[in-house]
Every structure is written in structure tokens, then in C-alpha cells.
Amino acid sequence: MNSLAHKLLIKLKKWFMATRIVYALCDNTALTIIEVGANEGKTGGPLYKIIQQNPDVKAVLIESVPYLFERLKKTYSDCSHCIFENIGTASGSGYMPIYYADSNTGLSTPNLPDYFEKSKIN
């Protein structure tokens, strides 16, 4: 798939997901949104605006990467209806290794997808 078609597909997917969630909120504001892999809160998904604009909707935001988890808490620092969990998910209980690109990967690796860091995080 070419790059333009891929970007268009991603935008459509985000729009359809956001539209479905907003439609669900019309009938029931007592919902709880659970986002696994919440990143820093804005990248890769349409939930940020929905969570910000609907304080009656509870949100459980899960991010396993420590530096992204800290950014996630800052992103939603004004949202008292959010619960944050710095955990991973797996098919069993216990501890498992997690592999991720650190915050400096974008400095040394060209042509990363847009959701990777492009500059050093302090």
C-alpha cells in the first residue's frame, strides 16, 4: 500500500472510531473508556478530545512504557475523571519483559513512522 493511501486509511479509521464512540455517548454518559496502550494521550487515537469533552465519562488509561506514562499523566492532568495505570497486559500473571523504542530512537533512526519520537525528550 502506498504511503498516501495508508495515511488516508489511518485517518478514516480514527474518524470512524471517534464517530462510533460519540454516537454511543448520546444515549449513555455513564460509560467507562479503557484505553490499553494510551501512549502519551494524543498520538495514534481519537480518544483525547472525547475524554476531554465528556467529564461524565470515566477513562482508564493504561501505558506500560515509563516515559510515555509520565507524559500521559501530564496530558490529562486536568481530568479528574481519568484513572492511570502503568502496567502491561498479558495472557498470564507475573512479570514479563517489555521491549520498546526509547525516547531517543528518532534521533538515530531515519524514516520512522509518525507515531515514533522525532526528537530527544528531556
Protein backbone atom coordinates (compact mmCIF):
# COMPACT_ATOMS: atom_id res chain seq x y z
CA MET A 1 0.00 0.00 0.00
CA ASN A 2 1.44 3.39 -0.91
CA SER A 3 2.10 5.98 1.76
CA LEU A 4 -0.75 8.32 0.81
CA ALA A 5 -3.32 5.52 0.79
CA HIS A 6 -2.02 4.27 4.14
CA LYS A 7 -2.30 7.74 5.71
CA LEU A 8 -5.83 8.13 4.35
CA LEU A 9 -6.83 4.73 5.73
CA ILE A 10 -5.50 5.66 9.17
CA LYS A 11 -7.43 8.97 9.15
CA LEU A 12 -10.64 7.20 8.14
CA LYS A 13 -10.17 4.57 10.83
CA LYS A 14 -9.71 7.25 13.50
CA TRP A 15 -12.73 9.20 12.27
CA PHE A 16 -14.99 6.12 12.24
CA MET A 17 -13.87 5.07 15.72
CA ALA A 18 -14.45 8.55 17.13
CA THR A 19 -17.85 8.78 15.46
CA ARG A 20 -18.93 5.43 16.93
CA ILE A 21 -17.85 6.47 20.43
CA VAL A 22 -19.58 9.86 20.22
CA TYR A 23 -22.75 8.11 18.99
CA ALA A 24 -22.60 5.73 21.99
CA LEU A 25 -22.28 8.72 24.34
CA CYS A 26 -25.56 10.19 23.04
CA ASP A 27 -27.57 7.53 24.82
CA ASN A 28 -25.37 6.77 27.82
CA THR A 29 -22.94 9.15 29.51
CA ALA A 30 -22.28 6.60 32.29
CA LEU A 31 -19.67 4.85 30.15
CA THR A 32 -16.12 3.90 31.02
CA ILE A 33 -13.50 4.09 28.29
CA ILE A 34 -10.50 1.79 28.72
CA GLU A 35 -7.52 2.54 26.50
CA VAL A 36 -4.71 -0.01 26.54
CA GLY A 37 -1.52 1.42 25.09
CA ALA A 38 -2.58 5.03 25.63
CA ASN A 39 0.86 6.36 24.63
CA GLU A 40 1.16 9.97 25.80
CA GLY A 41 -2.57 10.52 25.35
CA LYS A 42 -2.79 12.19 21.95
CA THR A 43 -0.80 10.13 19.44
CA GLY A 44 -2.44 7.35 17.47
CA GLY A 45 -6.04 7.57 18.55
CA PRO A 46 -9.15 9.75 18.66
CA LEU A 47 -9.94 9.43 22.37
CA TYR A 48 -8.19 12.56 23.68
CA LYS A 49 -10.89 15.02 22.55
CA ILE A 50 -13.69 12.68 23.57
CA ILE A 51 -12.26 12.24 27.09
CA GLN A 52 -11.57 15.98 27.43
CA GLN A 53 -15.06 16.98 26.27
CA ASN A 54 -17.02 14.43 28.33
CA PRO A 55 -16.18 14.75 32.04
CA ASP A 56 -19.02 12.38 32.98
CA VAL A 57 -17.32 9.55 31.14
CA LYS A 58 -14.72 7.71 33.21
CA ALA A 59 -11.48 6.81 31.45
CA VAL A 60 -8.93 4.19 32.44
CA LEU A 61 -5.70 4.92 30.59
CA ILE A 62 -3.09 2.15 30.53
CA GLU A 63 0.50 2.66 29.36
CA SER A 64 3.37 0.30 30.15
CA VAL A 65 6.31 2.40 28.90
CA PRO A 66 7.52 4.56 31.82
CA TYR A 67 8.44 7.78 29.97
CA LEU A 68 5.18 7.68 27.97
CA PHE A 69 3.20 7.02 31.17
CA GLU A 70 4.63 10.19 32.74
CA ARG A 71 3.66 12.20 29.66
CA LEU A 72 0.18 10.62 29.70
CA LYS A 73 -0.42 11.85 33.25
CA LYS A 74 0.64 15.37 32.21
CA THR A 75 -1.62 15.30 29.15
CA TYR A 76 -4.68 14.53 31.29
CA SER A 77 -3.58 16.37 34.45
CA ASP A 78 -6.77 18.46 34.45
CA CYS A 79 -9.10 15.45 34.10
CA SER A 80 -10.23 14.16 37.48
CA HIS A 81 -12.35 11.51 35.76
CA CYS A 82 -9.25 9.65 34.49
CA ILE A 83 -7.52 6.71 36.16
CA PHE A 84 -3.92 5.95 35.16
CA GLU A 85 -2.23 2.56 35.25
CA ASN A 86 1.45 1.98 34.49
CA ILE A 87 1.06 -1.72 33.75
CA GLY A 88 1.26 -4.11 30.83
CA THR A 89 -1.23 -6.72 29.71
CA ALA A 90 -0.50 -10.39 29.03
CA SER A 91 -2.22 -13.74 28.83
CA GLY A 92 -0.91 -14.75 32.26
CA SER A 93 0.05 -13.22 35.58
CA GLY A 94 3.51 -12.29 36.78
CA TYR A 95 6.34 -10.22 35.40
CA MET A 96 7.45 -10.23 31.78
CA PRO A 97 9.99 -8.19 29.83
CA ILE A 98 8.69 -5.37 27.68
CA TYR A 99 10.54 -4.14 24.63
CA TYR A 100 10.10 -0.61 23.32
CA ALA A 101 11.93 2.10 21.42
CA ASP A 102 13.36 4.58 23.89
CA SER A 103 12.74 8.30 23.65
CA ASN A 104 15.93 8.92 21.61
CA THR A 105 15.28 6.39 18.81
CA GLY A 106 14.06 9.09 16.42
CA LEU A 107 17.42 10.83 16.59
CA SER A 108 19.38 7.88 15.25
CA THR A 109 16.88 6.06 13.01
CA PRO A 110 15.55 7.88 9.94
CA ASN A 111 12.16 7.27 8.31
CA LEU A 112 10.31 6.11 11.42
CA PRO A 113 6.50 6.22 11.30
CA ASP A 114 4.88 9.40 12.63
CA TYR A 115 3.99 7.87 16.00
CA PHE A 116 7.68 7.49 17.00
CA GLU A 117 9.51 10.28 18.77
CA LYS A 118 11.26 12.64 16.34
CA SER A 119 13.38 14.49 18.87
CA LYS A 120 15.04 13.92 22.21
CA ILE A 121 12.78 14.03 25.26
CA ASN A 122 14.17 15.68 28.36
